[in-house]
Amino acid sequence: MKKRKKFDFGEFWNMYRRKPGSLAVLILVLLSAAATVGVLFSLIIYILVNGISHLKPELFAWEFNTDNMSMMPAIVSTVYMIVLSLLMAVPVGIFSAIYLVEYARRGSRLVKVIRTTTETLQGIPSIVYGLFGYILFVITLGWSYSLIAGAVTLAIMILPLIIRTTEEALMSVPDSYREGSFGLGAGKLYTVFKLILPCAVPGILAGVILAIGRIVGESAALIFTAGTVAQVPSSLFDSARTLSVHMYALLSEGLYTDEAYATAVVLLVLVIIINALSGMIAKKLATR
């Protein structure tokens, strides 16, 4: 086994003393990394310290009322919202990216317009998506405040993210894979779905993880589309309150701050679990 080389300050100083600009950039990078990690851990510690002590069994009762302020309906609604949004957005996003990378002529105006559009849509505030969903789904289509209205709005919101991340994942697969497959007589469809797409799965899953994080943390768009009714939805056209909306509602009332902190702890744990499971799946697929 190779022995790990010990840090030599003299060698480090000799490397950077003639290049003060590089040393300044290195220091800035290290400070930025430390600040990012520090802010992240500060937020996590703040949420855990203020929320864990307020976690009580009645917060996980199946039915919500003013006595228990249960978050269980919100947890169920959040899971429903994640599943429905991904079922609508992921297939459309992946197939759109496959067309742009594998089938559309490279460098064409259509591809440039679509990429510019998706990048622009990623920067639109979520409140705009919420107003769009409110006008189209809640009022025009008559869906009222419902689970399906919120899920379709979120699917539209995360679609550009999935398209762009899938595109990058597909473009990262070397062209030699495609050329080798075509040289052995494989068709376009077989090459894309049996060779290129499996190689790009880890990158695609990374985009799905980001999309899940946006769904879980979204509140502005859902207030205008899914509503704020604290009950487990029995159908797609029932109103639903996700965890982020539940936390917002508790804080806005000003009477249930402790319960809001407890909800934040559950939301944080849920995000960590989803990211960990997605990372494990991506790692296994990458190993294969």
C-alpha atoms as a PDB file:
ATOM      1  CA  MET A   1       0.000   0.000   0.000  1.00  0.00           C
ATOM      2  CA  LYS A   2       1.116   3.526  -0.747  1.00  0.00           C
ATOM      3  CA  LYS A   3       1.969   5.624   2.249  1.00  0.00           C
ATOM      4  CA  ARG A   4       0.053   8.860   2.483  1.00  0.00           C
ATOM      5  CA  LYS A   5       2.338  11.803   1.916  1.00  0.00           C
ATOM      6  CA  LYS A   6       2.561  14.109   4.915  1.00  0.00           C
ATOM      7  CA  PHE A   7       1.767  17.777   4.493  1.00  0.00           C
ATOM      8  CA  ASP A   8       4.955  19.822   4.087  1.00  0.00           C
ATOM      9  CA  PHE A   9       4.401  23.510   4.804  1.00  0.00           C
ATOM     10  CA  GLY A  10       7.777  24.458   3.306  1.00  0.00           C
ATOM     11  CA  GLU A  11       6.926  22.781   0.022  1.00  0.00           C
ATOM     12  CA  PHE A  12       3.514  24.410   0.084  1.00  0.00           C
ATOM     13  CA  TRP A  13       5.023  27.858   0.650  1.00  0.00           C
ATOM     14  CA  ASN A  14       7.597  27.416  -2.110  1.00  0.00           C
ATOM     15  CA  MET A  15       4.814  26.401  -4.492  1.00  0.00           C
ATOM     16  CA  TYR A  16       2.696  29.502  -3.903  1.00  0.00           C
ATOM     17  CA  ARG A  17       5.152  32.267  -2.946  1.00  0.00           C
ATOM     18  CA  ARG A  18       5.894  33.072  -6.567  1.00  0.00           C
ATOM     19  CA  LYS A  19       2.192  32.990  -7.436  1.00  0.00           C
ATOM     20  CA  PRO A  20       0.382  35.182  -4.883  1.00  0.00           C
ATOM     21  CA  GLY A  21      -2.717  35.269  -7.097  1.00  0.00           C
ATOM     22  CA  SER A  22      -3.068  31.489  -6.921  1.00  0.00           C
ATOM     23  CA  LEU A  23      -2.617  31.607  -3.151  1.00  0.00           C
ATOM     24  CA  ALA A  24      -5.346  34.266  -2.855  1.00  0.00           C
ATOM     25  CA  VAL A  25      -7.726  32.180  -4.962  1.00  0.00           C
ATOM     26  CA  LEU A  26      -6.969  29.092  -2.858  1.00  0.00           C
ATOM     27  CA  ILE A  27      -7.703  31.002   0.355  1.00  0.00           C
ATOM     28  CA  LEU A  28     -10.961  32.358  -1.084  1.00  0.00           C
ATOM     29  CA  VAL A  29     -12.023  28.859  -2.161  1.00  0.00           C
ATOM     30  CA  LEU A  30     -11.264  27.432   1.284  1.00  0.00           C
ATOM     31  CA  LEU A  31     -13.089  30.277   3.035  1.00  0.00           C
ATOM     32  CA  SER A  32     -16.111  29.864   0.756  1.00  0.00           C
ATOM     33  CA  ALA A  33     -16.207  26.123   1.410  1.00  0.00           C
ATOM     34  CA  ALA A  34     -15.912  26.673   5.160  1.00  0.00           C
ATOM     35  CA  ALA A  35     -18.661  29.311   5.107  1.00  0.00           C
ATOM     36  CA  THR A  36     -20.990  27.030   3.122  1.00  0.00           C
ATOM     37  CA  VAL A  37     -20.446  24.089   5.456  1.00  0.00           C
ATOM     38  CA  GLY A  38     -20.764  26.381   8.470  1.00  0.00           C
ATOM     39  CA  VAL A  39     -24.102  27.809   7.326  1.00  0.00           C
ATOM     40  CA  LEU A  40     -25.427  24.326   6.542  1.00  0.00           C
ATOM     41  CA  PHE A  41     -24.511  22.883   9.933  1.00  0.00           C
ATOM     42  CA  SER A  42     -25.743  26.027  11.713  1.00  0.00           C
ATOM     43  CA  LEU A  43     -29.172  25.642  10.110  1.00  0.00           C
ATOM     44  CA  ILE A  44     -29.332  21.937  10.918  1.00  0.00           C
ATOM     45  CA  ILE A  45     -28.275  22.452  14.536  1.00  0.00           C
ATOM     46  CA  TYR A  46     -30.697  25.375  14.979  1.00  0.00           C
ATOM     47  CA  ILE A  47     -33.625  23.326  13.655  1.00  0.00           C
ATOM     48  CA  LEU A  48     -32.750  20.265  15.734  1.00  0.00           C
ATOM     49  CA  VAL A  49     -32.198  22.211  18.970  1.00  0.00           C
ATOM     50  CA  ASN A  50     -35.478  24.119  18.652  1.00  0.00           C
ATOM     51  CA  GLY A  51     -37.560  21.276  17.262  1.00  0.00           C
ATOM     52  CA  ILE A  52     -36.606  17.937  18.808  1.00  0.00           C
ATOM     53  CA  SER A  53     -37.822  18.897  22.278  1.00  0.00           C
ATOM     54  CA  HIS A  54     -41.288  19.679  20.859  1.00  0.00           C
ATOM     55  CA  LEU A  55     -41.813  16.367  19.081  1.00  0.00           C
ATOM     56  CA  LYS A  56     -44.792  14.661  20.720  1.00  0.00           C
ATOM     57  CA  PRO A  57     -46.843  11.537  19.901  1.00  0.00           C
ATOM     58  CA  GLU A  58     -49.975  13.611  19.263  1.00  0.00           C
ATOM     59  CA  LEU A  59     -48.183  15.381  16.392  1.00  0.00           C
ATOM     60  CA  PHE A  60     -48.340  12.063  14.502  1.00  0.00           C
ATOM     61  CA  ALA A  61     -52.041  11.381  15.012  1.00  0.00           C
ATOM     62  CA  TRP A  62     -53.842  10.350  11.819  1.00  0.00           C
ATOM     63  CA  GLU A  63     -56.448  13.146  12.025  1.00  0.00           C
ATOM     64  CA  PHE A  64     -55.628  16.839  12.451  1.00  0.00           C
ATOM     65  CA  ASN A  65     -57.430  19.034  14.942  1.00  0.00           C
ATOM     66  CA  THR A  66     -56.711  22.190  16.911  1.00  0.00           C
ATOM     67  CA  ASP A  67     -55.726  20.172  19.982  1.00  0.00           C
ATOM     68  CA  ASN A  68     -53.007  17.954  18.492  1.00  0.00           C
ATOM     69  CA  MET A  69     -51.944  20.026  15.409  1.00  0.00           C
ATOM     70  CA  SER A  70     -50.949  16.723  13.827  1.00  0.00           C
ATOM     71  CA  MET A  71     -48.554  16.753  10.884  1.00  0.00           C
ATOM     72  CA  MET A  72     -49.397  13.211   9.717  1.00  0.00           C
ATOM     73  CA  PRO A  73     -51.873  14.375   7.020  1.00  0.00           C
ATOM     74  CA  ALA A  74     -49.181  16.733   5.767  1.00  0.00           C
ATOM     75  CA  ILE A  75     -46.602  13.914   5.650  1.00  0.00           C
ATOM     76  CA  VAL A  76     -48.973  11.705   3.627  1.00  0.00           C
ATOM     77  CA  SER A  77     -49.856  14.596   1.319  1.00  0.00           C
ATOM     78  CA  THR A  78     -46.160  15.347   0.787  1.00  0.00           C
ATOM     79  CA  VAL A  79     -45.478  11.749  -0.259  1.00  0.00           C
ATOM     80  CA  TYR A  80     -48.471  11.827  -2.617  1.00  0.00           C
ATOM     81  CA  MET A  81     -47.259  15.101  -4.106  1.00  0.00           C
ATOM     82  CA  ILE A  82     -43.751  13.746  -4.692  1.00  0.00           C
ATOM     83  CA  VAL A  83     -44.978  10.560  -6.373  1.00  0.00           C
ATOM     84  CA  LEU A  84     -47.556  12.271  -8.610  1.00  0.00           C
ATOM     85  CA  SER A  85     -45.226  15.086  -9.673  1.00  0.00           C
ATOM     86  CA  LEU A  86     -42.393  12.700 -10.543  1.00  0.00           C
ATOM     87  CA  LEU A  87     -44.721  10.342 -12.424  1.00  0.00           C
ATOM     88  CA  MET A  88     -45.715  13.228 -14.684  1.00  0.00           C
ATOM     89  CA  ALA A  89     -42.421  15.103 -15.002  1.00  0.00           C
ATOM     90  CA  VAL A  90     -39.722  12.398 -15.123  1.00  0.00           C
ATOM     91  CA  PRO A  91     -40.866  10.450 -18.243  1.00  0.00           C
ATOM     92  CA  VAL A  92     -41.555  13.654 -20.206  1.00  0.00           C
ATOM     93  CA  GLY A  93     -38.263  15.198 -19.116  1.00  0.00           C
ATOM     94  CA  ILE A  94     -36.161  12.125 -19.908  1.00  0.00           C
ATOM     95  CA  PHE A  95     -37.740  11.525 -23.331  1.00  0.00           C
ATOM     96  CA  SER A  96     -37.423  15.221 -24.202  1.00  0.00           C
ATOM     97  CA  ALA A  97     -33.717  15.152 -23.300  1.00  0.00           C
ATOM     98  CA  ILE A  98     -33.203  11.957 -25.326  1.00  0.00           C
ATOM     99  CA  TYR A  99     -34.710  13.670 -28.375  1.00  0.00           C
ATOM    100  CA  LEU A 100     -32.565  16.795 -27.931  1.00  0.00           C
ATOM    101  CA  VAL A 101     -29.306  14.867 -27.504  1.00  0.00           C
ATOM    102  CA  GLU A 102     -29.733  11.726 -29.588  1.00  0.00           C
ATOM    103  CA  TYR A 103     -32.239  12.507 -32.345  1.00  0.00           C
ATOM    104  CA  ALA A 104     -32.289  16.263 -32.999  1.00  0.00           C
ATOM    105  CA  ARG A 105     -29.615  17.639 -35.306  1.00  0.00           C
ATOM    106  CA  ARG A 106     -26.786  19.017 -33.187  1.00  0.00           C
ATOM    107  CA  GLY A 107     -26.478  22.770 -33.303  1.00  0.00           C
ATOM    108  CA  SER A 108     -29.954  23.281 -34.827  1.00  0.00           C
ATOM    109  CA  ARG A 109     -31.980  26.362 -33.972  1.00  0.00           C
ATOM    110  CA  LEU A 110     -34.760  24.278 -32.461  1.00  0.00           C
ATOM    111  CA  VAL A 111     -32.373  22.722 -29.924  1.00  0.00           C
ATOM    112  CA  LYS A 112     -30.928  26.134 -29.021  1.00  0.00           C
ATOM    113  CA  VAL A 113     -34.412  27.611 -28.540  1.00  0.00           C
ATOM    114  CA  ILE A 114     -35.550  24.709 -26.345  1.00  0.00           C
ATOM    115  CA  ARG A 115     -32.403  24.862 -24.196  1.00  0.00           C
ATOM    116  CA  THR A 116     -32.712  28.615 -23.778  1.00  0.00           C
ATOM    117  CA  THR A 117     -36.368  28.193 -22.843  1.00  0.00           C
ATOM    118  CA  THR A 118     -35.669  25.492 -20.238  1.00  0.00           C
ATOM    119  CA  GLU A 119     -32.892  27.551 -18.683  1.00  0.00           C
ATOM    120  CA  THR A 120     -35.216  30.552 -18.504  1.00  0.00           C
ATOM    121  CA  LEU A 121     -38.023  28.520 -16.956  1.00  0.00           C
ATOM    122  CA  GLN A 122     -35.673  27.306 -14.206  1.00  0.00           C
ATOM    123  CA  GLY A 123     -35.203  30.887 -13.053  1.00  0.00           C
ATOM    124  CA  ILE A 124     -38.903  31.786 -12.810  1.00  0.00           C
ATOM    125  CA  PRO A 125     -40.046  32.262  -9.174  1.00  0.00           C
ATOM    126  CA  SER A 126     -42.315  29.560  -7.825  1.00  0.00           C
ATOM    127  CA  ILE A 127     -45.034  32.107  -7.007  1.00  0.00           C
ATOM    128  CA  VAL A 128     -45.430  32.690 -10.766  1.00  0.00           C
ATOM    129  CA  TYR A 129     -45.969  28.966 -11.311  1.00  0.00           C
ATOM    130  CA  GLY A 130     -48.499  29.056  -8.483  1.00  0.00           C
ATOM    131  CA  LEU A 131     -50.459  31.900 -10.094  1.00  0.00           C
ATOM    132  CA  PHE A 132     -50.331  30.108 -13.454  1.00  0.00           C
ATOM    133  CA  GLY A 133     -51.633  26.890 -11.870  1.00  0.00           C
ATOM    134  CA  TYR A 134     -54.318  28.832 -10.002  1.00  0.00           C
ATOM    135  CA  ILE A 135     -55.637  30.493 -13.169  1.00  0.00           C
ATOM    136  CA  LEU A 136     -55.411  27.407 -15.419  1.00  0.00           C
ATOM    137  CA  PHE A 137     -56.142  24.427 -13.182  1.00  0.00           C
ATOM    138  CA  VAL A 138     -58.089  25.827 -10.232  1.00  0.00           C
ATOM    139  CA  ILE A 139     -60.288  28.361 -12.080  1.00  0.00           C
ATOM    140  CA  THR A 140     -60.321  27.589 -15.832  1.00  0.00           C
ATOM    141  CA  LEU A 141     -60.406  23.782 -15.624  1.00  0.00           C
ATOM    142  CA  GLY A 142     -62.472  23.845 -12.445  1.00  0.00           C
ATOM    143  CA  TRP A 143     -60.256  21.493 -10.428  1.00  0.00           C
ATOM    144  CA  SER A 144     -60.536  23.769  -7.384  1.00  0.00           C
ATOM    145  CA  TYR A 145     -57.825  23.535  -4.717  1.00  0.00           C
ATOM    146  CA  SER A 146     -56.754  19.927  -5.131  1.00  0.00           C
ATOM    147  CA  LEU A 147     -53.929  17.439  -4.971  1.00  0.00           C
ATOM    148  CA  ILE A 148     -53.873  17.023  -8.748  1.00  0.00           C
ATOM    149  CA  ALA A 149     -53.737  20.780  -9.372  1.00  0.00           C
ATOM    150  CA  GLY A 150     -50.723  21.097  -7.087  1.00  0.00           C
ATOM    151  CA  ALA A 151     -49.002  18.023  -8.546  1.00  0.00           C
ATOM    152  CA  VAL A 152     -49.397  19.183 -12.166  1.00  0.00           C
ATOM    153  CA  THR A 153     -48.110  22.650 -11.244  1.00  0.00           C
ATOM    154  CA  LEU A 154     -45.062  21.154  -9.536  1.00  0.00           C
ATOM    155  CA  ALA A 155     -44.491  18.799 -12.489  1.00  0.00           C
ATOM    156  CA  ILE A 156     -44.375  21.802 -14.823  1.00  0.00           C
ATOM    157  CA  MET A 157     -42.038  23.570 -12.405  1.00  0.00           C
ATOM    158  CA  ILE A 158     -39.488  20.744 -12.124  1.00  0.00           C
ATOM    159  CA  LEU A 159     -39.672  19.692 -15.797  1.00  0.00           C
ATOM    160  CA  PRO A 160     -36.933  22.129 -16.990  1.00  0.00           C
ATOM    161  CA  LEU A 161     -34.616  20.909 -14.223  1.00  0.00           C
ATOM    162  CA  ILE A 162     -35.045  17.260 -15.206  1.00  0.00           C
ATOM    163  CA  ILE A 163     -34.583  18.031 -18.910  1.00  0.00           C
ATOM    164  CA  ARG A 164     -31.330  19.938 -18.356  1.00  0.00           C
ATOM    165  CA  THR A 165     -29.797  17.433 -15.924  1.00  0.00           C
ATOM    166  CA  THR A 166     -30.749  14.507 -18.183  1.00  0.00           C
ATOM    167  CA  GLU A 167     -29.249  16.324 -21.163  1.00  0.00           C
ATOM    168  CA  GLU A 168     -25.966  16.836 -19.334  1.00  0.00           C
ATOM    169  CA  ALA A 169     -25.938  13.190 -18.237  1.00  0.00           C
ATOM    170  CA  LEU A 170     -26.507  11.952 -21.803  1.00  0.00           C
ATOM    171  CA  MET A 171     -23.889  14.297 -23.270  1.00  0.00           C
ATOM    172  CA  SER A 172     -21.337  13.051 -20.731  1.00  0.00           C
ATOM    173  CA  VAL A 173     -21.493   9.555 -22.295  1.00  0.00           C
ATOM    174  CA  PRO A 174     -18.569   9.329 -24.788  1.00  0.00           C
ATOM    175  CA  ASP A 175     -19.444   9.269 -28.496  1.00  0.00           C
ATOM    176  CA  SER A 176     -17.197   6.214 -28.835  1.00  0.00           C
ATOM    177  CA  TYR A 177     -19.949   4.180 -27.136  1.00  0.00           C
ATOM    178  CA  ARG A 178     -22.411   5.184 -29.821  1.00  0.00           C
ATOM    179  CA  GLU A 179     -19.936   4.602 -32.644  1.00  0.00           C
ATOM    180  CA  GLY A 180     -18.977   1.179 -31.295  1.00  0.00           C
ATOM    181  CA  SER A 181     -22.620   0.158 -30.977  1.00  0.00           C
ATOM    182  CA  PHE A 182     -23.433   1.313 -34.506  1.00  0.00           C
ATOM    183  CA  GLY A 183     -20.315  -0.435 -35.790  1.00  0.00           C
ATOM    184  CA  LEU A 184     -21.542  -3.733 -34.344  1.00  0.00           C
ATOM    185  CA  GLY A 185     -24.826  -3.329 -36.191  1.00  0.00           C
ATOM    186  CA  ALA A 186     -27.044  -2.125 -33.356  1.00  0.00           C
ATOM    187  CA  GLY A 187     -29.889   0.252 -34.209  1.00  0.00           C
ATOM    188  CA  LYS A 188     -30.466   3.729 -32.847  1.00  0.00           C
ATOM    189  CA  LEU A 189     -33.239   2.712 -30.470  1.00  0.00           C
ATOM    190  CA  TYR A 190     -31.252  -0.205 -29.038  1.00  0.00           C
ATOM    191  CA  THR A 191     -28.138   1.962 -28.602  1.00  0.00           C
ATOM    192  CA  VAL A 192     -30.019   4.693 -26.780  1.00  0.00           C
ATOM    193  CA  PHE A 193     -32.037   2.516 -24.384  1.00  0.00           C
ATOM    194  CA  LYS A 194     -29.631  -0.370 -23.826  1.00  0.00           C
ATOM    195  CA  LEU A 195     -26.304   1.445 -23.781  1.00  0.00           C
ATOM    196  CA  ILE A 196     -26.480   5.246 -23.487  1.00  0.00           C
ATOM    197  CA  LEU A 197     -29.376   5.587 -21.044  1.00  0.00           C
ATOM    198  CA  PRO A 198     -28.023   3.057 -18.480  1.00  0.00           C
ATOM    199  CA  CYS A 199     -24.674   4.868 -18.477  1.00  0.00           C
ATOM    200  CA  ALA A 200     -26.456   8.169 -17.810  1.00  0.00           C
ATOM    201  CA  VAL A 201     -28.702   6.880 -14.998  1.00  0.00           C
ATOM    202  CA  PRO A 202     -26.568   8.237 -12.099  1.00  0.00           C
ATOM    203  CA  GLY A 203     -26.676  11.739 -13.588  1.00  0.00           C
ATOM    204  CA  ILE A 204     -30.409  11.464 -14.238  1.00  0.00           C
ATOM    205  CA  LEU A 205     -31.019  10.375 -10.643  1.00  0.00           C
ATOM    206  CA  ALA A 206     -29.046  13.389  -9.433  1.00  0.00           C
ATOM    207  CA  GLY A 207     -31.540  15.592 -11.268  1.00  0.00           C
ATOM    208  CA  VAL A 208     -34.454  13.653  -9.788  1.00  0.00           C
ATOM    209  CA  ILE A 209     -33.004  14.165  -6.296  1.00  0.00           C
ATOM    210  CA  LEU A 210     -32.846  17.924  -6.902  1.00  0.00           C
ATOM    211  CA  ALA A 211     -36.419  17.836  -8.170  1.00  0.00           C
ATOM    212  CA  ILE A 212     -37.579  15.992  -5.031  1.00  0.00           C
ATOM    213  CA  GLY A 213     -35.877  18.593  -2.871  1.00  0.00           C
ATOM    214  CA  ARG A 214     -37.723  21.358  -4.703  1.00  0.00           C
ATOM    215  CA  ILE A 215     -41.058  19.553  -4.360  1.00  0.00           C
ATOM    216  CA  VAL A 216     -40.617  18.941  -0.632  1.00  0.00           C
ATOM    217  CA  GLY A 217     -39.591  22.521   0.080  1.00  0.00           C
ATOM    218  CA  GLU A 218     -42.210  24.205  -2.094  1.00  0.00           C
ATOM    219  CA  SER A 219     -44.965  26.225  -0.453  1.00  0.00           C
ATOM    220  CA  ALA A 220     -45.785  29.314  -2.549  1.00  0.00           C
ATOM    221  CA  ALA A 221     -46.983  27.399  -5.608  1.00  0.00           C
ATOM    222  CA  LEU A 222     -48.997  24.914  -3.531  1.00  0.00           C
ATOM    223  CA  ILE A 223     -50.881  27.505  -1.491  1.00  0.00           C
ATOM    224  CA  PHE A 224     -52.498  28.729  -4.731  1.00  0.00           C
ATOM    225  CA  THR A 225     -53.155  25.266  -6.210  1.00  0.00           C
ATOM    226  CA  ALA A 226     -53.325  22.464  -3.612  1.00  0.00           C
ATOM    227  CA  GLY A 227     -54.761  24.582  -0.811  1.00  0.00           C
ATOM    228  CA  THR A 228     -54.170  24.343   2.919  1.00  0.00           C
ATOM    229  CA  VAL A 229     -56.744  21.826   4.169  1.00  0.00           C
ATOM    230  CA  ALA A 230     -55.064  19.669   6.835  1.00  0.00           C
ATOM    231  CA  GLN A 231     -56.513  16.266   5.984  1.00  0.00           C
ATOM    232  CA  VAL A 232     -55.399  13.110   4.216  1.00  0.00           C
ATOM    233  CA  PRO A 233     -56.728  13.446   0.643  1.00  0.00           C
ATOM    234  CA  SER A 234     -59.065  10.617  -0.326  1.00  0.00           C
ATOM    235  CA  SER A 235     -59.003  11.489  -4.036  1.00  0.00           C
ATOM    236  CA  LEU A 236     -56.963  13.508  -6.518  1.00  0.00           C
ATOM    237  CA  PHE A 237     -59.476  16.350  -6.339  1.00  0.00           C
ATOM    238  CA  ASP A 238     -59.304  16.807  -2.561  1.00  0.00           C
ATOM    239  CA  SER A 239     -57.324  19.697  -1.120  1.00  0.00           C
ATOM    240  CA  ALA A 240     -54.007  18.775   0.485  1.00  0.00           C
ATOM    241  CA  ARG A 241     -51.468  20.455   2.752  1.00  0.00           C
ATOM    242  CA  THR A 242     -47.814  19.445   2.425  1.00  0.00           C
ATOM    243  CA  LEU A 243     -45.261  19.714   5.220  1.00  0.00           C
ATOM    244  CA  SER A 244     -43.825  23.013   4.012  1.00  0.00           C
ATOM    245  CA  VAL A 245     -47.307  24.555   3.723  1.00  0.00           C
ATOM    246  CA  HIS A 246     -48.208  23.093   7.133  1.00  0.00           C
ATOM    247  CA  MET A 247     -45.153  24.710   8.686  1.00  0.00           C
ATOM    248  CA  TYR A 248     -45.956  28.037   7.003  1.00  0.00           C
ATOM    249  CA  ALA A 249     -49.555  27.902   8.265  1.00  0.00           C
ATOM    250  CA  LEU A 250     -48.454  27.211  11.847  1.00  0.00           C
ATOM    251  CA  LEU A 251     -45.946  30.049  11.840  1.00  0.00           C
ATOM    252  CA  SER A 252     -48.304  32.533  10.187  1.00  0.00           C
ATOM    253  CA  GLU A 253     -50.909  31.964  12.886  1.00  0.00           C
ATOM    254  CA  GLY A 254     -48.295  32.778  15.538  1.00  0.00           C
ATOM    255  CA  LEU A 255     -49.801  30.405  18.107  1.00  0.00           C
ATOM    256  CA  TYR A 256     -48.032  27.160  17.220  1.00  0.00           C
ATOM    257  CA  THR A 257     -44.379  28.094  16.866  1.00  0.00           C
ATOM    258  CA  ASP A 258     -43.202  25.022  18.788  1.00  0.00           C
ATOM    259  CA  GLU A 259     -45.171  22.705  16.510  1.00  0.00           C
ATOM    260  CA  ALA A 260     -43.723  24.500  13.488  1.00  0.00           C
ATOM    261  CA  TYR A 261     -40.177  23.794  14.690  1.00  0.00           C
ATOM    262  CA  ALA A 262     -41.109  20.151  15.244  1.00  0.00           C
ATOM    263  CA  THR A 263     -42.472  20.034  11.673  1.00  0.00           C
ATOM    264  CA  ALA A 264     -39.185  21.482  10.430  1.00  0.00           C
ATOM    265  CA  VAL A 265     -37.308  18.602  12.090  1.00  0.00           C
ATOM    266  CA  VAL A 266     -39.534  16.013  10.384  1.00  0.00           C
ATOM    267  CA  LEU A 267     -39.150  17.828   7.044  1.00  0.00           C
ATOM    268  CA  LEU A 268     -35.368  17.851   7.440  1.00  0.00           C
ATOM    269  CA  VAL A 269     -35.275  14.138   8.299  1.00  0.00           C
ATOM    270  CA  LEU A 270     -37.551  13.329   5.346  1.00  0.00           C
ATOM    271  CA  VAL A 271     -35.273  15.169   2.919  1.00  0.00           C
ATOM    272  CA  ILE A 272     -32.175  13.436   4.325  1.00  0.00           C
ATOM    273  CA  ILE A 273     -33.813   9.991   4.034  1.00  0.00           C
ATOM    274  CA  ILE A 274     -34.947  10.603   0.442  1.00  0.00           C
ATOM    275  CA  ASN A 275     -31.515  11.905  -0.584  1.00  0.00           C
ATOM    276  CA  ALA A 276     -29.749   8.989   1.120  1.00  0.00           C
ATOM    277  CA  LEU A 277     -31.960   6.391  -0.573  1.00  0.00           C
ATOM    278  CA  SER A 278     -31.582   8.081  -3.959  1.00  0.00           C
ATOM    279  CA  GLY A 279     -27.814   8.262  -3.499  1.00  0.00           C
ATOM    280  CA  MET A 280     -27.636   4.548  -2.647  1.00  0.00           C
ATOM    281  CA  ILE A 281     -29.658   3.661  -5.740  1.00  0.00           C
ATOM    282  CA  ALA A 282     -27.487   5.884  -7.940  1.00  0.00           C
ATOM    283  CA  LYS A 283     -24.324   4.322  -6.504  1.00  0.00           C
ATOM    284  CA  LYS A 284     -25.546   0.778  -7.147  1.00  0.00           C
ATOM    285  CA  LEU A 285     -26.567   1.615 -10.696  1.00  0.00           C
ATOM    286  CA  ALA A 286     -23.230   3.313 -11.348  1.00  0.00           C
ATOM    287  CA  THR A 287     -21.391   0.213 -10.067  1.00  0.00           C
ATOM    288  CA  ARG A 288     -23.379  -2.008 -12.421  1.00  0.00           C
END
